[in-house]
N, C-alpha and C. Protein backbone atom coordinates (compact mmCIF):
# COMPACT_ATOMS: atom_id res chain seq x y z
N UNK A 1 10.36 31.75 36.15
CA UNK A 1 9.99 31.37 34.73
C UNK A 1 8.83 31.87 34.35
N UNK A 2 8.94 33.03 33.61
CA UNK A 2 7.77 33.60 33.12
C UNK A 2 7.60 33.75 31.64
N UNK A 3 8.52 33.91 30.85
CA UNK A 3 8.39 34.21 29.35
C UNK A 3 8.69 32.92 28.67
N UNK A 4 7.80 32.68 27.74
CA UNK A 4 8.03 31.43 26.89
C UNK A 4 8.61 32.03 25.66
N UNK A 5 9.54 31.20 25.03
CA UNK A 5 10.30 31.69 23.75
C UNK A 5 10.16 30.57 22.85
N UNK A 6 9.60 31.00 21.59
CA UNK A 6 9.53 30.04 20.38
C UNK A 6 11.00 29.84 19.88
N UNK A 7 11.18 28.64 19.48
CA UNK A 7 12.45 28.49 18.86
C UNK A 7 12.40 27.57 17.78
N UNK A 8 13.53 27.27 17.17
CA UNK A 8 13.71 26.39 16.01
C UNK A 8 13.88 24.69 16.60
N UNK A 9 14.02 24.51 17.65
CA UNK A 9 14.32 23.26 18.26
C UNK A 9 12.93 22.81 18.74
N UNK A 10 12.72 21.26 18.82
CA UNK A 10 11.40 20.73 19.17
C UNK A 10 11.01 20.77 20.46
N UNK A 11 11.81 21.46 21.46
CA UNK A 11 11.38 21.53 22.87
C UNK A 11 10.86 22.87 23.21
N UNK A 12 10.33 23.01 24.39
CA UNK A 12 9.78 24.37 25.00
C UNK A 12 10.76 24.84 25.85
N UNK A 13 11.29 26.07 25.32
CA UNK A 13 12.05 26.86 26.09
C UNK A 13 11.40 27.86 26.90
N UNK A 14 11.92 28.19 28.21
CA UNK A 14 11.16 29.07 28.98
C UNK A 14 12.42 30.17 29.47
N UNK A 15 12.25 31.43 29.41
CA UNK A 15 13.32 32.39 29.82
C UNK A 15 12.83 33.04 31.11
N UNK A 16 13.64 33.10 32.03
CA UNK A 16 13.13 33.74 33.27
C UNK A 16 13.53 35.29 33.19
N UNK A 17 12.93 36.08 34.27
CA UNK A 17 13.27 37.50 34.14
C UNK A 17 14.80 37.84 34.38
N UNK A 18 15.35 36.90 34.98
CA UNK A 18 17.12 36.99 35.13
C UNK A 18 17.71 36.81 34.04
N UNK A 19 17.05 36.20 33.00
CA UNK A 19 17.79 35.89 31.71
C UNK A 19 18.19 34.31 31.59
N UNK A 20 17.91 33.71 32.52
CA UNK A 20 18.33 32.15 32.39
C UNK A 20 17.17 31.48 31.54
N UNK A 21 17.71 30.48 30.74
CA UNK A 21 16.89 29.70 29.89
C UNK A 21 16.87 28.29 30.48
N UNK A 22 15.54 27.78 30.52
CA UNK A 22 15.34 26.39 30.82
C UNK A 22 14.50 25.65 29.74
N UNK A 23 14.86 24.34 29.61
CA UNK A 23 13.94 23.50 28.81
C UNK A 23 12.88 22.92 29.77
N UNK A 24 11.67 23.28 29.35
CA UNK A 24 10.55 22.98 30.31
C UNK A 24 10.25 21.52 30.62
N UNK A 25 9.85 21.16 31.79
CA UNK A 25 9.80 19.72 32.30
C UNK A 25 8.78 19.19 31.06
N UNK A 26 9.05 17.90 30.88
CA UNK A 26 8.20 17.05 29.94
C UNK A 26 7.86 15.77 30.21
N UNK A 27 6.92 15.14 29.77
CA UNK A 27 6.24 13.92 30.27
C UNK A 27 6.96 12.79 29.30
N UNK A 28 7.49 11.78 29.87
CA UNK A 28 8.09 10.61 29.08
C UNK A 28 6.99 9.64 28.66
N UNK A 29 7.16 8.76 27.70
CA UNK A 29 6.16 7.85 27.08
C UNK A 29 5.67 6.97 28.20
N UNK A 30 6.41 6.71 29.18
CA UNK A 30 5.87 5.76 30.22
C UNK A 30 5.14 6.67 31.40
N UNK A 31 4.98 7.77 31.24
CA UNK A 31 4.14 8.65 32.31
C UNK A 31 4.91 9.43 33.32
N UNK A 32 6.34 9.21 33.38
CA UNK A 32 6.99 9.91 34.33
C UNK A 32 7.49 11.15 33.81
N UNK A 33 7.72 12.18 34.69
CA UNK A 33 8.24 13.47 34.32
C UNK A 33 9.75 13.69 34.28
N UNK A 34 10.22 14.40 33.34
CA UNK A 34 11.84 14.76 33.16
C UNK A 34 11.72 16.18 33.86
N UNK A 35 12.92 16.35 34.61
CA UNK A 35 12.92 17.79 35.23
C UNK A 35 13.12 18.76 34.34
N UNK A 36 12.95 20.11 34.64
CA UNK A 36 13.40 21.26 33.84
C UNK A 36 14.93 21.35 33.88
N UNK A 37 15.44 21.67 32.71
CA UNK A 37 16.90 21.65 32.68
C UNK A 37 17.28 23.22 32.29
N UNK A 38 18.39 23.65 32.86
CA UNK A 38 19.01 24.92 32.65
C UNK A 38 19.88 24.70 31.48
N UNK A 39 19.85 25.51 30.50
CA UNK A 39 20.66 25.46 29.34
C UNK A 39 21.30 26.85 28.92
N UNK A 40 22.30 26.81 28.12
CA UNK A 40 22.83 27.99 27.78
C UNK A 40 22.08 28.50 26.52
N UNK A 41 22.46 29.67 26.12
CA UNK A 41 21.69 30.22 24.86
C UNK A 41 22.35 29.59 23.70
N UNK A 42 21.29 29.28 22.87
CA UNK A 42 21.72 28.49 21.47
C UNK A 42 22.06 26.97 21.83
N UNK A 43 21.76 26.31 22.99
CA UNK A 43 21.97 24.95 23.08
C UNK A 43 21.01 24.08 22.20
N UNK A 44 21.53 23.15 21.49
CA UNK A 44 20.54 22.28 20.82
C UNK A 44 20.85 20.91 21.29
N UNK A 45 19.77 20.22 21.78
CA UNK A 45 19.96 18.88 22.37
C UNK A 45 20.68 17.86 21.40
N UNK A 46 21.25 16.91 22.00
CA UNK A 46 22.06 15.94 21.17
C UNK A 46 21.05 15.24 20.12
N UNK A 47 19.87 14.77 20.43
CA UNK A 47 19.21 13.98 19.44
C UNK A 47 18.56 14.91 18.31
N UNK A 48 18.58 16.12 18.55
CA UNK A 48 18.08 17.13 17.39
C UNK A 48 19.12 17.88 16.63
N UNK A 49 20.49 17.47 16.87
CA UNK A 49 21.54 17.96 16.08
C UNK A 49 21.60 17.51 14.81
N UNK A 50 21.86 18.27 13.77
CA UNK A 50 21.94 17.77 12.47
C UNK A 50 22.95 16.56 12.22
N UNK A 51 22.74 15.73 11.34
CA UNK A 51 23.62 14.58 11.12
C UNK A 51 24.84 15.24 10.42
N UNK A 52 26.07 14.52 10.69
CA UNK A 52 27.24 14.96 10.09
C UNK A 52 27.32 14.41 8.67
N UNK A 53 27.65 15.25 7.71
CA UNK A 53 27.97 14.88 6.23
C UNK A 53 29.29 15.21 5.82
N UNK A 54 30.03 14.42 5.17
CA UNK A 54 31.22 14.70 4.56
C UNK A 54 31.06 15.54 3.44
N UNK A 55 32.23 15.89 2.85
CA UNK A 55 32.31 16.87 1.64
C UNK A 55 31.36 16.16 0.50
N UNK A 56 31.65 14.89 0.11
CA UNK A 56 30.95 14.23 -0.95
C UNK A 56 29.38 14.13 -0.79
N UNK A 57 28.95 13.91 0.48
CA UNK A 57 27.59 13.82 0.76
C UNK A 57 26.99 15.19 0.66
N UNK A 58 27.58 16.17 1.06
CA UNK A 58 27.16 17.58 1.04
C UNK A 58 26.97 18.04 -0.44
N UNK A 59 27.87 17.86 -1.18
CA UNK A 59 27.98 18.09 -2.60
C UNK A 59 26.88 17.46 -3.35
N UNK A 60 26.73 16.16 -3.09
CA UNK A 60 25.74 15.44 -3.86
C UNK A 60 24.28 15.87 -3.33
N UNK A 61 24.17 16.30 -2.22
CA UNK A 61 22.81 16.51 -1.72
C UNK A 61 22.54 17.93 -2.08
N UNK A 62 23.50 18.94 -2.51
CA UNK A 62 23.15 20.24 -2.93
C UNK A 62 22.78 20.32 -4.26
N UNK A 63 23.23 19.49 -5.24
CA UNK A 63 22.96 19.66 -6.60
C UNK A 63 21.97 18.62 -7.05
N UNK A 64 20.95 19.12 -7.81
CA UNK A 64 20.02 18.07 -8.40
C UNK A 64 20.25 17.94 -9.86
N UNK A 65 21.28 18.76 -10.39
CA UNK A 65 21.38 18.70 -11.97
C UNK A 65 22.77 17.93 -12.13
N UNK A 66 23.13 17.61 -13.38
CA UNK A 66 24.39 17.08 -13.63
C UNK A 66 25.43 18.23 -13.61
N UNK A 67 26.63 17.92 -13.49
CA UNK A 67 27.69 18.85 -13.48
C UNK A 67 27.81 19.69 -14.77
N UNK A 68 27.86 21.01 -14.72
CA UNK A 68 28.13 21.77 -15.95
C UNK A 68 26.83 22.05 -16.67
N UNK A 69 25.61 21.84 -16.22
CA UNK A 69 24.46 22.22 -17.02
C UNK A 69 23.84 23.32 -16.18
N UNK A 70 23.10 24.17 -17.01
CA UNK A 70 22.43 25.29 -16.40
C UNK A 70 20.88 24.87 -16.07
N UNK A 71 20.26 25.53 -15.19
CA UNK A 71 18.86 25.27 -14.97
C UNK A 71 17.95 25.45 -16.29
N UNK A 72 18.27 26.37 -17.16
CA UNK A 72 17.56 26.48 -18.30
C UNK A 72 17.70 25.31 -19.24
N UNK A 73 18.94 24.74 -19.47
CA UNK A 73 19.33 23.65 -20.19
C UNK A 73 18.57 22.41 -19.73
N UNK A 74 18.50 22.34 -18.32
CA UNK A 74 17.93 21.19 -17.65
C UNK A 74 16.45 21.11 -17.88
N UNK A 75 15.69 22.37 -17.86
CA UNK A 75 14.39 22.42 -17.84
C UNK A 75 14.08 22.08 -19.45
N UNK A 76 14.88 22.38 -20.40
CA UNK A 76 14.54 22.28 -21.82
C UNK A 76 14.57 20.72 -22.04
N UNK A 77 15.74 20.08 -21.33
CA UNK A 77 15.85 18.64 -21.67
C UNK A 77 14.59 17.89 -20.86
N UNK A 78 14.06 18.30 -19.82
CA UNK A 78 13.11 17.64 -19.18
C UNK A 78 11.76 17.70 -20.09
N UNK A 79 11.50 18.89 -20.58
CA UNK A 79 10.35 19.15 -21.55
C UNK A 79 10.53 18.36 -22.76
N UNK A 80 11.70 18.11 -23.20
CA UNK A 80 11.87 17.26 -24.46
C UNK A 80 11.56 15.79 -24.05
N UNK A 81 11.99 15.33 -22.86
CA UNK A 81 11.76 14.01 -22.52
C UNK A 81 10.27 13.72 -22.45
N UNK A 82 9.53 14.77 -21.89
CA UNK A 82 8.14 14.50 -21.69
C UNK A 82 7.41 14.49 -23.07
N UNK A 83 8.00 15.29 -23.99
CA UNK A 83 7.27 15.22 -25.30
C UNK A 83 7.55 13.92 -26.22
N UNK A 84 8.59 13.36 -25.79
CA UNK A 84 8.97 12.04 -26.52
C UNK A 84 8.28 10.88 -25.89
N UNK A 85 7.68 10.96 -24.88
CA UNK A 85 6.93 9.85 -24.12
C UNK A 85 5.69 9.77 -25.07
N UNK A 86 5.28 8.50 -25.32
CA UNK A 86 4.25 8.28 -26.17
C UNK A 86 3.11 7.86 -25.10
N UNK A 87 1.94 8.31 -25.51
CA UNK A 87 0.76 8.15 -24.42
C UNK A 87 0.51 6.63 -24.43
N UNK A 88 0.17 5.97 -23.34
CA UNK A 88 -0.01 4.67 -23.16
C UNK A 88 -1.58 4.52 -23.00
N UNK A 89 -2.18 3.67 -24.00
CA UNK A 89 -3.52 3.45 -23.96
C UNK A 89 -3.66 2.26 -23.07
N UNK A 90 -4.67 2.43 -22.16
CA UNK A 90 -5.10 1.53 -21.20
C UNK A 90 -6.06 0.46 -21.97
N UNK A 91 -5.84 -0.91 -21.77
CA UNK A 91 -6.64 -1.88 -22.12
C UNK A 91 -7.72 -2.06 -21.18
N UNK A 92 -9.00 -1.75 -21.60
CA UNK A 92 -9.91 -2.06 -20.54
C UNK A 92 -10.75 -3.23 -20.98
N UNK A 93 -11.00 -4.09 -20.00
CA UNK A 93 -11.70 -5.49 -20.22
C UNK A 93 -13.12 -5.17 -19.51
N UNK A 94 -14.06 -5.33 -20.11
CA UNK A 94 -15.28 -5.15 -19.14
C UNK A 94 -15.57 -6.13 -18.35
N UNK A 95 -15.96 -6.05 -17.25
CA UNK A 95 -16.16 -7.18 -16.26
C UNK A 95 -17.59 -7.65 -16.29
N UNK A 96 -18.45 -6.81 -16.61
CA UNK A 96 -19.91 -7.05 -16.74
C UNK A 96 -20.23 -7.78 -17.95
N UNK A 97 -21.21 -8.65 -17.82
CA UNK A 97 -21.62 -9.40 -18.94
C UNK A 97 -22.61 -8.29 -19.76
N UNK A 98 -22.41 -8.24 -21.06
CA UNK A 98 -23.17 -7.31 -21.76
C UNK A 98 -24.50 -7.98 -22.36
N UNK A 99 -24.25 -9.27 -23.02
CA UNK A 99 -25.57 -9.71 -23.78
C UNK A 99 -26.07 -10.97 -22.69
N UNK A 100 -27.22 -11.53 -23.28
CA UNK A 100 -27.78 -12.56 -22.46
C UNK A 100 -26.89 -13.78 -22.82
N UNK A 101 -26.30 -13.90 -23.90
CA UNK A 101 -25.26 -15.08 -24.26
C UNK A 101 -24.17 -15.05 -23.25
N UNK A 102 -23.58 -13.83 -22.83
CA UNK A 102 -22.42 -13.72 -22.04
C UNK A 102 -22.96 -14.10 -20.64
N UNK A 103 -24.09 -13.93 -20.12
CA UNK A 103 -24.58 -14.40 -18.86
C UNK A 103 -24.64 -16.06 -18.77
N UNK A 104 -25.27 -16.47 -20.01
CA UNK A 104 -25.35 -17.84 -19.86
C UNK A 104 -23.95 -18.62 -19.81
N UNK A 105 -23.09 -18.02 -20.61
CA UNK A 105 -21.77 -18.76 -20.57
C UNK A 105 -21.00 -18.61 -19.51
N UNK A 106 -21.12 -17.55 -18.71
CA UNK A 106 -20.58 -17.46 -17.46
C UNK A 106 -21.13 -18.47 -16.32
N UNK A 107 -22.54 -18.49 -16.29
CA UNK A 107 -23.08 -19.42 -15.49
C UNK A 107 -22.73 -20.94 -15.93
N UNK A 108 -22.47 -21.25 -17.04
CA UNK A 108 -21.99 -22.42 -17.56
C UNK A 108 -20.74 -22.88 -17.11
N UNK A 109 -19.77 -21.78 -17.33
CA UNK A 109 -18.33 -21.94 -16.87
C UNK A 109 -18.18 -22.29 -15.34
N UNK A 110 -19.16 -21.48 -14.45
CA UNK A 110 -19.23 -21.73 -13.08
C UNK A 110 -19.79 -23.11 -12.65
N UNK A 111 -20.67 -23.69 -13.45
CA UNK A 111 -21.39 -24.84 -13.24
C UNK A 111 -20.36 -25.92 -13.53
N UNK A 112 -19.44 -25.92 -14.62
CA UNK A 112 -18.59 -26.92 -15.01
C UNK A 112 -17.44 -26.80 -13.92
N UNK A 113 -17.12 -25.64 -13.51
CA UNK A 113 -15.96 -25.72 -12.52
C UNK A 113 -16.44 -26.43 -11.13
N UNK A 114 -17.65 -26.02 -10.71
CA UNK A 114 -18.12 -26.78 -9.58
C UNK A 114 -18.28 -28.36 -9.87
N UNK A 115 -18.67 -28.67 -10.89
CA UNK A 115 -18.65 -30.17 -11.18
C UNK A 115 -17.22 -30.82 -11.14
N UNK A 116 -16.27 -30.13 -11.75
CA UNK A 116 -14.91 -30.59 -11.68
C UNK A 116 -14.43 -30.77 -10.23
N UNK A 117 -14.72 -29.73 -9.50
CA UNK A 117 -14.24 -29.74 -8.07
C UNK A 117 -15.03 -31.09 -7.43
N UNK A 118 -16.04 -31.30 -7.60
CA UNK A 118 -16.73 -32.52 -7.12
C UNK A 118 -16.09 -33.76 -7.48
N UNK A 119 -15.78 -33.98 -8.89
CA UNK A 119 -15.00 -35.01 -9.36
C UNK A 119 -13.77 -35.10 -8.72
N UNK A 120 -12.94 -34.15 -8.46
CA UNK A 120 -11.64 -34.28 -7.81
C UNK A 120 -11.84 -34.76 -6.36
N UNK A 121 -12.89 -34.14 -5.75
CA UNK A 121 -12.99 -34.70 -4.23
C UNK A 121 -13.42 -36.23 -4.30
N UNK A 122 -14.18 -36.60 -5.19
CA UNK A 122 -14.55 -38.11 -5.30
C UNK A 122 -13.30 -38.99 -5.59
N UNK A 123 -12.37 -38.54 -6.37
CA UNK A 123 -11.20 -39.22 -6.65
C UNK A 123 -10.32 -39.45 -5.48
N UNK A 124 -10.19 -38.27 -4.65
CA UNK A 124 -9.42 -38.23 -3.38
C UNK A 124 -10.05 -39.37 -2.45
N UNK A 125 -11.33 -39.34 -2.27
CA UNK A 125 -12.05 -40.20 -1.25
C UNK A 125 -11.88 -41.64 -1.71
N UNK A 126 -12.03 -41.90 -3.01
CA UNK A 126 -12.04 -43.24 -3.53
C UNK A 126 -10.60 -43.93 -3.23
N UNK A 127 -9.64 -42.97 -3.56
CA UNK A 127 -8.24 -43.40 -3.24
C UNK A 127 -7.88 -43.63 -1.72
N UNK A 128 -8.64 -42.92 -0.89
CA UNK A 128 -8.36 -43.09 0.55
C UNK A 128 -7.48 -41.96 1.14
N UNK A 129 -7.21 -40.96 0.32
CA UNK A 129 -6.30 -39.93 0.67
C UNK A 129 -6.86 -39.20 1.80
N UNK A 130 -8.06 -38.80 1.67
CA UNK A 130 -8.73 -38.04 2.74
C UNK A 130 -10.15 -38.67 3.16
N UNK A 131 -10.75 -38.22 4.13
CA UNK A 131 -11.99 -38.53 4.53
C UNK A 131 -12.87 -37.39 4.33
N UNK A 132 -14.10 -37.65 3.86
CA UNK A 132 -14.87 -36.39 3.46
C UNK A 132 -15.47 -35.76 4.73
N UNK A 133 -15.51 -34.49 4.77
CA UNK A 133 -16.09 -33.65 5.75
C UNK A 133 -17.60 -33.53 5.47
N UNK A 134 -18.37 -33.26 6.42
CA UNK A 134 -19.77 -32.95 6.37
C UNK A 134 -20.14 -32.04 5.10
N UNK A 135 -19.60 -31.00 5.10
CA UNK A 135 -19.86 -30.04 4.00
C UNK A 135 -19.41 -30.51 2.81
N UNK A 136 -18.32 -31.50 2.48
CA UNK A 136 -17.97 -31.93 1.26
C UNK A 136 -19.12 -32.98 0.88
N UNK A 137 -19.62 -33.69 1.84
CA UNK A 137 -20.63 -34.71 1.55
C UNK A 137 -21.74 -34.19 0.84
N UNK A 138 -22.27 -32.93 1.44
CA UNK A 138 -23.39 -32.20 1.03
C UNK A 138 -23.04 -31.72 -0.59
N UNK A 139 -21.91 -31.36 -0.65
CA UNK A 139 -21.45 -30.70 -2.09
C UNK A 139 -21.53 -31.91 -2.96
N UNK A 140 -21.02 -33.06 -2.62
CA UNK A 140 -21.01 -34.30 -3.74
C UNK A 140 -22.49 -34.54 -3.92
N UNK A 141 -23.38 -34.46 -2.92
CA UNK A 141 -24.70 -34.90 -3.20
C UNK A 141 -25.58 -33.98 -4.12
N UNK A 142 -24.94 -32.89 -4.41
CA UNK A 142 -25.52 -31.86 -5.32
C UNK A 142 -24.89 -32.10 -6.87
N UNK A 143 -24.21 -33.13 -6.94
CA UNK A 143 -23.50 -33.43 -8.33
C UNK A 143 -24.60 -33.49 -9.50
N UNK A 144 -25.72 -34.19 -9.19
CA UNK A 144 -26.88 -34.38 -10.31
C UNK A 144 -27.23 -33.00 -10.54
N UNK A 145 -27.55 -31.94 -9.59
CA UNK A 145 -28.12 -30.68 -9.77
C UNK A 145 -27.21 -30.01 -10.76
N UNK A 146 -25.81 -30.06 -10.66
CA UNK A 146 -24.98 -29.34 -11.39
C UNK A 146 -24.98 -29.99 -12.92
N UNK A 147 -25.06 -31.16 -13.01
CA UNK A 147 -25.10 -31.81 -14.24
C UNK A 147 -26.46 -31.48 -15.08
N UNK A 148 -27.52 -31.38 -14.37
CA UNK A 148 -28.82 -30.83 -14.93
C UNK A 148 -28.79 -29.31 -15.36
N UNK A 149 -28.08 -28.60 -14.61
CA UNK A 149 -27.78 -27.25 -14.86
C UNK A 149 -26.90 -26.87 -15.94
N UNK A 150 -25.84 -27.79 -16.15
CA UNK A 150 -24.95 -27.81 -17.38
C UNK A 150 -25.81 -28.06 -18.61
N UNK A 151 -26.79 -29.09 -18.58
CA UNK A 151 -27.54 -29.56 -19.71
C UNK A 151 -28.48 -28.55 -20.11
N UNK A 152 -29.07 -27.90 -19.03
CA UNK A 152 -30.10 -26.85 -19.33
C UNK A 152 -29.31 -25.65 -19.97
N UNK A 153 -28.23 -25.16 -19.40
CA UNK A 153 -27.46 -23.99 -20.11
C UNK A 153 -26.96 -24.21 -21.29
N UNK A 154 -26.56 -25.44 -21.72
CA UNK A 154 -25.91 -25.75 -23.05
C UNK A 154 -27.00 -25.71 -24.13
N UNK A 155 -28.25 -26.11 -23.63
CA UNK A 155 -29.49 -26.07 -24.50
C UNK A 155 -29.83 -24.65 -24.69
N UNK A 156 -29.85 -23.88 -23.59
CA UNK A 156 -30.26 -22.53 -23.86
C UNK A 156 -29.18 -21.68 -24.72
N UNK A 157 -28.01 -22.01 -24.47
CA UNK A 157 -26.92 -21.41 -25.25
C UNK A 157 -27.07 -21.74 -26.85
N UNK A 158 -27.43 -22.95 -27.10
CA UNK A 158 -27.65 -23.34 -28.66
C UNK A 158 -28.89 -22.49 -29.11
N UNK A 159 -29.83 -22.21 -28.42
CA UNK A 159 -31.02 -21.37 -28.76
C UNK A 159 -30.53 -19.94 -29.15
N UNK A 160 -29.66 -19.54 -28.33
CA UNK A 160 -29.18 -18.02 -28.63
C UNK A 160 -28.19 -18.04 -29.65
């Protein structure tokens, strides 16, 4: 086994001085080794053989154009379709607040949302649906802070 031969198949073929062809030994995924196999010239392993296609599949795979149309006509058709498409304008909504008023409004919305969450928690605990967790108790204790913040932000918003 002296001469290595490149081929179109995925395995490594070795040709000896006497003219015999071998598929070289390979390592399996589990770490064991496959023996070198003596093969005939032109042999293609079973797992690398092309898949069989019937006449209809082969005909469908070969043609990318509709029946009876020339490549020039197809190219002209594609260009016309691209010209007919109208450009789509993207609607961009800025995420960042631009003015001081925007900043205050955003803070006000967040404070109202937190106050609403606290009120929903209080309703659950009053009806006895759930028992409060320690972090929920601390959140409910901050209710007056959120109310003061809402009052302060509404006053600031009126000034702007």
